[in-house]
N, C-alpha and C. Protein backbone atom coordinates (compact mmCIF):
# COMPACT_ATOMS: atom_id res chain seq x y z
N UNK A 1 -25.21 -19.34 -3.61
CA UNK A 1 -24.30 -20.00 -2.67
C UNK A 1 -22.85 -19.87 -3.13
N UNK A 2 -22.66 -19.95 -4.46
CA UNK A 2 -21.29 -19.81 -4.99
C UNK A 2 -20.73 -18.42 -4.71
N UNK A 3 -21.60 -17.42 -4.78
CA UNK A 3 -21.15 -16.05 -4.52
C UNK A 3 -20.69 -15.88 -3.08
N UNK A 4 -21.39 -16.54 -2.16
CA UNK A 4 -21.01 -16.45 -0.75
C UNK A 4 -19.66 -17.13 -0.51
N UNK A 5 -19.44 -18.25 -1.16
CA UNK A 5 -18.15 -18.95 -1.03
C UNK A 5 -17.03 -18.11 -1.64
N UNK A 6 -17.31 -17.50 -2.79
CA UNK A 6 -16.31 -16.67 -3.44
C UNK A 6 -15.97 -15.45 -2.59
N UNK A 7 -16.98 -14.86 -1.97
CA UNK A 7 -16.75 -13.69 -1.11
C UNK A 7 -15.94 -14.08 0.12
N UNK A 8 -16.26 -15.23 0.71
CA UNK A 8 -15.52 -15.68 1.89
C UNK A 8 -14.08 -16.02 1.53
N UNK A 9 -13.87 -16.61 0.37
CA UNK A 9 -12.51 -16.93 -0.08
C UNK A 9 -11.71 -15.66 -0.31
N UNK A 10 -12.32 -14.68 -0.97
CA UNK A 10 -11.64 -13.41 -1.22
C UNK A 10 -11.30 -12.69 0.07
N UNK A 11 -12.22 -12.73 1.02
CA UNK A 11 -11.96 -12.08 2.30
C UNK A 11 -10.82 -12.77 3.04
N UNK A 12 -10.79 -14.09 3.00
CA UNK A 12 -9.72 -14.83 3.66
C UNK A 12 -8.37 -14.54 3.00
N UNK A 13 -8.33 -14.46 1.69
CA UNK A 13 -7.08 -14.14 0.99
C UNK A 13 -6.61 -12.72 1.30
N UNK A 14 -7.55 -11.79 1.34
CA UNK A 14 -7.18 -10.40 1.66
C UNK A 14 -6.64 -10.30 3.07
N UNK A 15 -7.27 -11.01 4.01
CA UNK A 15 -6.80 -10.98 5.39
C UNK A 15 -5.42 -11.62 5.51
N UNK A 16 -5.20 -12.70 4.78
CA UNK A 16 -3.88 -13.35 4.80
C UNK A 16 -2.82 -12.42 4.22
N UNK A 17 -3.17 -11.68 3.18
CA UNK A 17 -2.22 -10.74 2.58
C UNK A 17 -1.87 -9.62 3.55
N UNK A 18 -2.87 -9.08 4.23
CA UNK A 18 -2.63 -8.00 5.19
C UNK A 18 -1.76 -8.50 6.34
N UNK A 19 -2.05 -9.69 6.83
CA UNK A 19 -1.26 -10.22 7.94
C UNK A 19 0.18 -10.50 7.50
N UNK A 20 0.37 -10.95 6.27
CA UNK A 20 1.72 -11.20 5.77
C UNK A 20 2.51 -9.91 5.65
N UNK A 21 1.87 -8.88 5.11
CA UNK A 21 2.56 -7.60 4.95
C UNK A 21 2.89 -6.98 6.31
N UNK A 22 1.96 -7.07 7.25
CA UNK A 22 2.22 -6.49 8.56
C UNK A 22 3.27 -7.30 9.32
N UNK A 23 3.38 -8.59 9.06
CA UNK A 23 4.41 -9.40 9.71
C UNK A 23 5.80 -9.04 9.19
N UNK A 24 5.88 -8.67 7.91
CA UNK A 24 7.17 -8.30 7.34
C UNK A 24 7.65 -6.96 7.89
N UNK A 25 6.74 -6.09 8.23
CA UNK A 25 7.10 -4.80 8.80
C UNK A 25 7.37 -3.77 7.72
N UNK A 26 7.57 -2.56 8.16
CA UNK A 26 7.85 -1.47 7.23
C UNK A 26 9.27 -1.58 6.71
N UNK A 27 9.49 -1.24 5.45
CA UNK A 27 10.84 -1.30 4.92
C UNK A 27 11.73 -0.25 5.58
N UNK A 28 12.97 -0.61 5.82
CA UNK A 28 13.89 0.35 6.42
C UNK A 28 14.45 1.24 5.32
N UNK A 29 14.38 2.49 5.56
CA UNK A 29 14.87 3.46 4.58
C UNK A 29 15.05 4.79 5.24
N UNK A 30 15.62 5.70 4.49
CA UNK A 30 15.81 7.04 5.04
C UNK A 30 15.48 8.05 3.96
N UNK A 31 15.13 9.22 4.41
CA UNK A 31 14.77 10.27 3.47
C UNK A 31 16.02 10.94 2.95
N UNK A 32 15.88 11.54 1.80
CA UNK A 32 17.00 12.23 1.18
C UNK A 32 17.26 13.55 1.91
N UNK A 33 18.52 13.89 2.14
CA UNK A 33 18.79 15.17 2.80
C UNK A 33 18.55 16.36 1.87
N UNK A 34 18.52 16.11 0.56
CA UNK A 34 18.30 17.21 -0.38
C UNK A 34 16.81 17.52 -0.47
N UNK A 35 16.47 18.82 -0.54
CA UNK A 35 15.05 19.16 -0.70
C UNK A 35 14.57 18.84 -2.11
N UNK A 36 13.29 18.58 -2.22
CA UNK A 36 12.71 18.29 -3.53
C UNK A 36 12.59 19.60 -4.30
N UNK A 37 13.26 19.67 -5.43
CA UNK A 37 13.23 20.90 -6.23
C UNK A 37 12.08 20.84 -7.21
N UNK A 38 11.15 21.76 -7.05
CA UNK A 38 10.01 21.82 -7.97
C UNK A 38 9.90 23.24 -8.49
N UNK A 39 9.26 23.35 -9.63
CA UNK A 39 9.05 24.68 -10.21
C UNK A 39 7.55 24.93 -10.28
N UNK A 40 7.16 26.16 -10.02
CA UNK A 40 5.76 26.54 -10.09
C UNK A 40 5.55 27.25 -11.42
N UNK A 41 4.55 26.83 -12.20
CA UNK A 41 4.33 27.50 -13.49
C UNK A 41 3.93 28.96 -13.28
N UNK A 42 4.35 29.80 -14.20
CA UNK A 42 4.06 31.22 -14.12
C UNK A 42 2.57 31.45 -14.36
N UNK A 43 2.00 32.36 -13.60
CA UNK A 43 0.59 32.68 -13.78
C UNK A 43 0.45 33.67 -14.93
N UNK A 44 -0.56 33.49 -15.73
CA UNK A 44 -0.74 34.44 -16.87
C UNK A 44 -1.22 35.80 -16.42
């Protein structure tokens, strides 16, 4: 019985966290105009 209560509590907390994050919305930001510079290792 304790396991069922613990599972229900965890599910309720997870749902509350998801609803809180979705209520806040996505952070406003913008991408960098510069391209990402990466190097490819030389093949042997």
